[in-house]
Amino acid sequence: MSDVPTHLQYTAEHEWIDGAAPATVGITRNAADALGDIVYLELPTVGSEVTAGAVIGEVESTKSVSELFSPVSGTVVEVNQEAVDEPSVVNREPYGAGWLFRVDVTSTGELLSAEEYAARITD
């Protein structure tokens, strides 16, 4: 479980979220590795309302395009412009510099603990 940080929560669709305010959202190492070299990110815009479980963007790699789902409902307050400009940072540091956006949370969707997420990806 070394690649599943225990201080984060996860979705079944491979997004992670921290417990800070505003909350930071990204994709997991498992998702980044499965996608391959990420070449393009389509993220929600600052000020947009996101809904837990809804599609809010796309992650495009050399292998495929994958939808990005919001783990929470709320208002987007920041987008990681560095990741938009250089999407490969998501492959290198999905839990660090490769975060995607920050949101003021009004409610959460179904979130998994690190242990629950790790069990899903190792089955």
N, C-alpha and C. Protein backbone atom coordinates (compact mmCIF):
# COMPACT_ATOMS: atom_id res chain seq x y z
N MET A 1 0.82 -1.20 0.00
CA MET A 1 0.00 0.00 0.00
C MET A 1 0.86 1.26 0.00
N SER A 2 2.12 1.14 -0.32
CA SER A 2 3.03 2.28 -0.29
C SER A 2 2.65 3.36 -1.30
N ASP A 3 1.98 3.00 -2.39
CA ASP A 3 1.56 4.00 -3.37
C ASP A 3 0.13 4.47 -3.16
N VAL A 4 -0.42 4.20 -1.97
CA VAL A 4 -1.75 4.67 -1.61
C VAL A 4 -1.61 5.44 -0.29
N PRO A 5 -1.34 6.74 -0.37
CA PRO A 5 -1.14 7.52 0.85
C PRO A 5 -2.35 7.39 1.80
N THR A 6 -2.06 7.15 3.06
CA THR A 6 -3.12 6.88 4.03
C THR A 6 -3.85 8.13 4.49
N HIS A 7 -3.31 9.31 4.27
CA HIS A 7 -3.96 10.55 4.72
C HIS A 7 -5.00 11.07 3.72
N LEU A 8 -5.17 10.38 2.60
CA LEU A 8 -6.13 10.80 1.57
C LEU A 8 -7.34 9.88 1.56
N GLN A 9 -8.42 10.35 0.92
CA GLN A 9 -9.58 9.51 0.63
C GLN A 9 -9.64 9.36 -0.89
N TYR A 10 -10.37 8.33 -1.34
CA TYR A 10 -10.35 7.94 -2.75
C TYR A 10 -11.75 7.66 -3.27
N THR A 11 -11.86 7.67 -4.61
CA THR A 11 -13.10 7.24 -5.25
C THR A 11 -12.84 5.93 -5.97
N ALA A 12 -13.91 5.23 -6.29
CA ALA A 12 -13.78 3.99 -7.07
C ALA A 12 -13.26 4.29 -8.48
N GLU A 13 -13.38 5.55 -8.93
CA GLU A 13 -12.92 5.95 -10.26
C GLU A 13 -11.47 6.44 -10.25
N HIS A 14 -10.76 6.29 -9.12
CA HIS A 14 -9.32 6.56 -9.01
C HIS A 14 -8.96 8.03 -8.84
N GLU A 15 -9.86 8.82 -8.26
CA GLU A 15 -9.50 10.17 -7.87
C GLU A 15 -9.16 10.14 -6.37
N TRP A 16 -8.36 11.10 -5.93
CA TRP A 16 -8.07 11.25 -4.50
C TRP A 16 -8.45 12.65 -4.06
N ILE A 17 -8.68 12.81 -2.77
CA ILE A 17 -9.00 14.11 -2.19
C ILE A 17 -8.40 14.17 -0.79
N ASP A 18 -7.88 15.35 -0.45
CA ASP A 18 -7.37 15.50 0.91
C ASP A 18 -8.45 16.14 1.78
N GLY A 19 -8.22 16.25 3.03
CA GLY A 19 -9.23 16.77 3.96
C GLY A 19 -9.09 18.24 4.27
N ALA A 20 -8.26 18.94 3.53
CA ALA A 20 -8.02 20.36 3.79
C ALA A 20 -9.19 21.21 3.31
N ALA A 21 -9.14 22.49 3.66
CA ALA A 21 -10.13 23.44 3.15
C ALA A 21 -9.36 24.59 2.50
N PRO A 22 -9.46 24.81 1.21
CA PRO A 22 -10.21 24.01 0.25
C PRO A 22 -9.55 22.65 0.02
N ALA A 23 -10.35 21.70 -0.40
CA ALA A 23 -9.87 20.34 -0.64
C ALA A 23 -9.16 20.26 -1.98
N THR A 24 -8.06 19.52 -2.00
CA THR A 24 -7.30 19.30 -3.23
C THR A 24 -7.68 17.95 -3.81
N VAL A 25 -7.84 17.91 -5.15
CA VAL A 25 -8.25 16.71 -5.86
C VAL A 25 -7.19 16.36 -6.91
N GLY A 26 -6.96 15.06 -7.08
CA GLY A 26 -6.05 14.59 -8.12
C GLY A 26 -6.43 13.18 -8.53
N ILE A 27 -5.60 12.57 -9.38
CA ILE A 27 -5.82 11.17 -9.73
C ILE A 27 -4.73 10.34 -9.07
N THR A 28 -5.01 9.09 -8.85
CA THR A 28 -4.09 8.21 -8.13
C THR A 28 -2.92 7.76 -9.00
N ARG A 29 -1.90 7.27 -8.34
CA ARG A 29 -0.75 6.68 -9.05
C ARG A 29 -1.23 5.53 -9.93
N ASN A 30 -2.16 4.72 -9.40
CA ASN A 30 -2.70 3.59 -10.16
C ASN A 30 -3.32 4.08 -11.47
N ALA A 31 -4.10 5.15 -11.42
CA ALA A 31 -4.73 5.70 -12.62
C ALA A 31 -3.68 6.26 -13.57
N ALA A 32 -2.73 7.02 -13.03
CA ALA A 32 -1.70 7.63 -13.87
C ALA A 32 -0.88 6.55 -14.57
N ASP A 33 -0.53 5.50 -13.84
CA ASP A 33 0.24 4.41 -14.45
C ASP A 33 -0.56 3.68 -15.52
N ALA A 34 -1.85 3.46 -15.26
CA ALA A 34 -2.70 2.75 -16.23
C ALA A 34 -2.89 3.58 -17.50
N LEU A 35 -2.98 4.90 -17.36
CA LEU A 35 -3.17 5.76 -18.52
C LEU A 35 -1.92 5.83 -19.39
N GLY A 36 -0.77 5.74 -18.80
CA GLY A 36 0.47 5.95 -19.55
C GLY A 36 0.81 7.42 -19.57
N ASP A 37 1.54 7.86 -20.57
CA ASP A 37 2.01 9.24 -20.64
C ASP A 37 0.84 10.20 -20.85
N ILE A 38 0.56 11.02 -19.83
CA ILE A 38 -0.54 11.99 -19.90
C ILE A 38 -0.08 13.18 -20.72
N VAL A 39 -0.90 13.55 -21.73
CA VAL A 39 -0.52 14.61 -22.66
C VAL A 39 -1.48 15.80 -22.64
N TYR A 40 -2.66 15.64 -22.01
CA TYR A 40 -3.64 16.74 -22.02
C TYR A 40 -4.59 16.57 -20.84
N LEU A 41 -4.91 17.69 -20.20
CA LEU A 41 -5.90 17.71 -19.11
C LEU A 41 -7.00 18.71 -19.43
N GLU A 42 -8.22 18.27 -19.31
CA GLU A 42 -9.37 19.19 -19.39
C GLU A 42 -9.96 19.22 -17.99
N LEU A 43 -9.83 20.38 -17.32
CA LEU A 43 -10.26 20.51 -15.93
C LEU A 43 -11.39 21.51 -15.80
N PRO A 44 -12.14 21.45 -14.69
CA PRO A 44 -13.20 22.44 -14.49
C PRO A 44 -12.58 23.83 -14.31
N THR A 45 -13.34 24.86 -14.59
CA THR A 45 -12.84 26.23 -14.47
C THR A 45 -13.10 26.77 -13.07
N VAL A 46 -12.28 27.73 -12.67
CA VAL A 46 -12.46 28.38 -11.37
C VAL A 46 -13.85 29.03 -11.35
N GLY A 47 -14.56 28.80 -10.26
CA GLY A 47 -15.91 29.34 -10.11
C GLY A 47 -17.00 28.37 -10.52
N SER A 48 -16.63 27.30 -11.21
CA SER A 48 -17.66 26.34 -11.63
C SER A 48 -18.10 25.48 -10.46
N GLU A 49 -19.35 25.05 -10.52
CA GLU A 49 -19.91 24.16 -9.51
C GLU A 49 -19.71 22.73 -9.98
N VAL A 50 -19.21 21.89 -9.08
CA VAL A 50 -19.03 20.47 -9.40
C VAL A 50 -19.95 19.65 -8.50
N THR A 51 -20.34 18.50 -8.99
CA THR A 51 -21.25 17.61 -8.27
C THR A 51 -20.56 16.26 -8.07
N ALA A 52 -20.63 15.77 -6.85
CA ALA A 52 -20.00 14.48 -6.52
C ALA A 52 -20.50 13.41 -7.48
N GLY A 53 -19.55 12.68 -8.07
CA GLY A 53 -19.88 11.58 -8.98
C GLY A 53 -20.06 11.99 -10.43
N ALA A 54 -20.13 13.31 -10.70
CA ALA A 54 -20.35 13.79 -12.07
C ALA A 54 -19.03 13.94 -12.81
N VAL A 55 -19.09 13.79 -14.13
CA VAL A 55 -17.93 14.00 -14.98
C VAL A 55 -17.61 15.49 -14.98
N ILE A 56 -16.34 15.82 -14.75
CA ILE A 56 -15.95 17.24 -14.68
C ILE A 56 -14.78 17.57 -15.60
N GLY A 57 -14.30 16.59 -16.33
CA GLY A 57 -13.18 16.82 -17.22
C GLY A 57 -12.67 15.54 -17.83
N GLU A 58 -11.48 15.65 -18.45
CA GLU A 58 -10.87 14.49 -19.10
C GLU A 58 -9.36 14.50 -18.87
N VAL A 59 -8.83 13.29 -18.87
CA VAL A 59 -7.38 13.10 -18.84
C VAL A 59 -7.05 12.31 -20.11
N GLU A 60 -6.22 12.92 -20.97
CA GLU A 60 -5.87 12.27 -22.23
C GLU A 60 -4.41 11.81 -22.16
N SER A 61 -4.20 10.58 -22.57
CA SER A 61 -2.84 10.04 -22.60
C SER A 61 -2.54 9.52 -23.99
N THR A 62 -1.33 9.01 -24.14
CA THR A 62 -0.95 8.44 -25.43
C THR A 62 -1.72 7.16 -25.71
N LYS A 63 -2.33 6.57 -24.66
CA LYS A 63 -3.10 5.33 -24.80
C LYS A 63 -4.60 5.55 -24.97
N SER A 64 -5.15 6.52 -24.21
CA SER A 64 -6.61 6.66 -24.19
C SER A 64 -7.03 8.00 -23.61
N VAL A 65 -8.34 8.21 -23.60
CA VAL A 65 -8.94 9.36 -22.94
C VAL A 65 -9.81 8.81 -21.83
N SER A 66 -9.67 9.37 -20.64
CA SER A 66 -10.43 8.91 -19.48
C SER A 66 -11.17 10.08 -18.86
N GLU A 67 -12.41 9.84 -18.48
CA GLU A 67 -13.19 10.89 -17.83
C GLU A 67 -12.69 11.10 -16.41
N LEU A 68 -12.81 12.34 -15.96
CA LEU A 68 -12.46 12.72 -14.60
C LEU A 68 -13.76 12.99 -13.85
N PHE A 69 -13.90 12.37 -12.68
CA PHE A 69 -15.11 12.51 -11.87
C PHE A 69 -14.82 13.31 -10.62
N SER A 70 -15.78 14.09 -10.18
CA SER A 70 -15.59 14.85 -8.95
C SER A 70 -15.92 13.99 -7.74
N PRO A 71 -15.03 13.93 -6.74
CA PRO A 71 -15.32 13.17 -5.54
C PRO A 71 -16.27 13.90 -4.58
N VAL A 72 -16.47 15.21 -4.83
CA VAL A 72 -17.27 16.03 -3.93
C VAL A 72 -18.12 17.02 -4.72
N SER A 73 -19.05 17.64 -4.02
CA SER A 73 -19.80 18.76 -4.58
C SER A 73 -19.26 20.04 -3.98
N GLY A 74 -19.26 21.10 -4.78
CA GLY A 74 -18.78 22.38 -4.28
C GLY A 74 -18.38 23.30 -5.42
N THR A 75 -17.61 24.33 -5.07
CA THR A 75 -17.17 25.34 -6.03
C THR A 75 -15.66 25.24 -6.23
N VAL A 76 -15.24 25.18 -7.48
CA VAL A 76 -13.82 25.12 -7.81
C VAL A 76 -13.21 26.49 -7.51
N VAL A 77 -12.14 26.49 -6.70
CA VAL A 77 -11.49 27.75 -6.32
C VAL A 77 -10.10 27.91 -6.91
N GLU A 78 -9.53 26.82 -7.42
CA GLU A 78 -8.20 26.90 -8.03
C GLU A 78 -8.00 25.70 -8.95
N VAL A 79 -7.30 25.94 -10.05
CA VAL A 79 -6.92 24.88 -10.99
C VAL A 79 -5.40 24.90 -11.06
N ASN A 80 -4.78 23.73 -11.11
CA ASN A 80 -3.34 23.62 -11.18
C ASN A 80 -2.88 23.92 -12.61
N GLN A 81 -2.57 25.18 -12.87
CA GLN A 81 -2.19 25.60 -14.22
C GLN A 81 -0.88 24.95 -14.65
N GLU A 82 0.01 24.66 -13.70
CA GLU A 82 1.26 23.98 -14.05
C GLU A 82 0.98 22.60 -14.64
N ALA A 83 0.00 21.89 -14.08
CA ALA A 83 -0.36 20.57 -14.60
C ALA A 83 -1.03 20.68 -15.97
N VAL A 84 -1.82 21.71 -16.17
CA VAL A 84 -2.45 21.93 -17.48
C VAL A 84 -1.37 22.21 -18.53
N ASP A 85 -0.38 23.03 -18.15
CA ASP A 85 0.70 23.39 -19.08
C ASP A 85 1.66 22.24 -19.33
N GLU A 86 1.88 21.40 -18.31
CA GLU A 86 2.80 20.26 -18.43
C GLU A 86 2.15 19.03 -17.79
N PRO A 87 1.22 18.38 -18.49
CA PRO A 87 0.45 17.27 -17.93
C PRO A 87 1.30 16.10 -17.43
N SER A 88 2.52 15.95 -17.93
CA SER A 88 3.35 14.83 -17.50
C SER A 88 3.69 14.89 -16.01
N VAL A 89 3.51 16.04 -15.38
CA VAL A 89 3.74 16.15 -13.94
C VAL A 89 2.79 15.23 -13.17
N VAL A 90 1.63 14.95 -13.74
CA VAL A 90 0.67 14.05 -13.09
C VAL A 90 1.25 12.63 -13.03
N ASN A 91 1.95 12.21 -14.07
CA ASN A 91 2.60 10.90 -14.06
C ASN A 91 3.73 10.85 -13.03
N ARG A 92 4.50 11.93 -12.96
CA ARG A 92 5.65 11.95 -12.06
C ARG A 92 5.26 12.11 -10.59
N GLU A 93 4.30 12.98 -10.30
CA GLU A 93 3.94 13.30 -8.93
C GLU A 93 2.42 13.41 -8.74
N PRO A 94 1.69 12.30 -8.88
CA PRO A 94 0.23 12.40 -8.81
C PRO A 94 -0.29 12.86 -7.45
N TYR A 95 0.48 12.65 -6.38
CA TYR A 95 0.04 13.07 -5.05
C TYR A 95 0.70 14.36 -4.59
N GLY A 96 1.50 14.97 -5.47
CA GLY A 96 2.21 16.19 -5.12
C GLY A 96 1.91 17.28 -6.12
N ALA A 97 2.94 17.64 -6.90
CA ALA A 97 2.83 18.73 -7.87
C ALA A 97 1.80 18.44 -8.96
N GLY A 98 1.39 17.18 -9.11
CA GLY A 98 0.42 16.81 -10.15
C GLY A 98 -1.03 16.87 -9.71
N TRP A 99 -1.32 17.56 -8.59
CA TRP A 99 -2.72 17.73 -8.20
C TRP A 99 -3.47 18.45 -9.32
N LEU A 100 -4.82 18.34 -9.34
CA LEU A 100 -5.59 18.89 -10.46
C LEU A 100 -6.34 20.17 -10.13
N PHE A 101 -7.14 20.17 -9.07
CA PHE A 101 -7.89 21.37 -8.72
C PHE A 101 -8.24 21.38 -7.24
N ARG A 102 -8.66 22.55 -6.75
CA ARG A 102 -9.09 22.70 -5.36
C ARG A 102 -10.54 23.17 -5.35
N VAL A 103 -11.26 22.70 -4.35
CA VAL A 103 -12.70 22.96 -4.31
C VAL A 103 -13.14 23.25 -2.87
N ASP A 104 -14.03 24.25 -2.74
CA ASP A 104 -14.72 24.49 -1.48
C ASP A 104 -15.85 23.48 -1.41
N VAL A 105 -15.76 22.53 -0.51
CA VAL A 105 -16.67 21.38 -0.47
C VAL A 105 -17.96 21.73 0.25
N THR A 106 -19.09 21.37 -0.39
CA THR A 106 -20.39 21.50 0.26
C THR A 106 -20.93 20.14 0.69
N SER A 107 -20.55 19.08 -0.03
CA SER A 107 -20.92 17.71 0.35
C SER A 107 -19.98 16.74 -0.35
N THR A 108 -19.90 15.54 0.20
CA THR A 108 -19.01 14.54 -0.38
C THR A 108 -19.82 13.44 -1.04
N GLY A 109 -19.17 12.77 -1.97
CA GLY A 109 -19.74 11.57 -2.57
C GLY A 109 -19.29 10.37 -1.77
N GLU A 110 -19.37 9.20 -2.39
CA GLU A 110 -18.91 7.99 -1.73
C GLU A 110 -17.39 7.93 -1.79
N LEU A 111 -16.75 8.07 -0.64
CA LEU A 111 -15.30 8.07 -0.58
C LEU A 111 -14.80 6.82 0.12
N LEU A 112 -13.63 6.37 -0.30
CA LEU A 112 -13.01 5.18 0.25
C LEU A 112 -11.79 5.56 1.08
N SER A 113 -11.54 4.79 2.13
CA SER A 113 -10.30 4.97 2.88
C SER A 113 -9.14 4.43 2.03
N ALA A 114 -7.93 4.71 2.45
CA ALA A 114 -6.76 4.19 1.74
C ALA A 114 -6.79 2.66 1.71
N GLU A 115 -7.18 2.06 2.81
CA GLU A 115 -7.24 0.60 2.89
C GLU A 115 -8.29 0.04 1.93
N GLU A 116 -9.46 0.68 1.88
CA GLU A 116 -10.51 0.22 0.98
C GLU A 116 -10.10 0.38 -0.48
N TYR A 117 -9.45 1.51 -0.80
CA TYR A 117 -9.01 1.74 -2.17
C TYR A 117 -7.92 0.73 -2.56
N ALA A 118 -6.98 0.52 -1.67
CA ALA A 118 -5.90 -0.43 -1.95
C ALA A 118 -6.45 -1.83 -2.20
N ALA A 119 -7.47 -2.22 -1.44
CA ALA A 119 -8.08 -3.54 -1.65
C ALA A 119 -8.71 -3.62 -3.03
N ARG A 120 -9.32 -2.54 -3.52
CA ARG A 120 -9.95 -2.54 -4.84
C ARG A 120 -8.95 -2.68 -5.97
N ILE A 121 -7.78 -2.05 -5.82
CA ILE A 121 -6.83 -2.06 -6.93
C ILE A 121 -5.91 -3.27 -6.91
N THR A 122 -5.95 -4.04 -5.82
CA THR A 122 -5.10 -5.23 -5.76
C THR A 122 -5.89 -6.50 -6.00
N ASP A 123 -7.21 -6.39 -6.10
CA ASP A 123 -8.05 -7.57 -6.37
C ASP A 123 -7.93 -8.02 -7.80
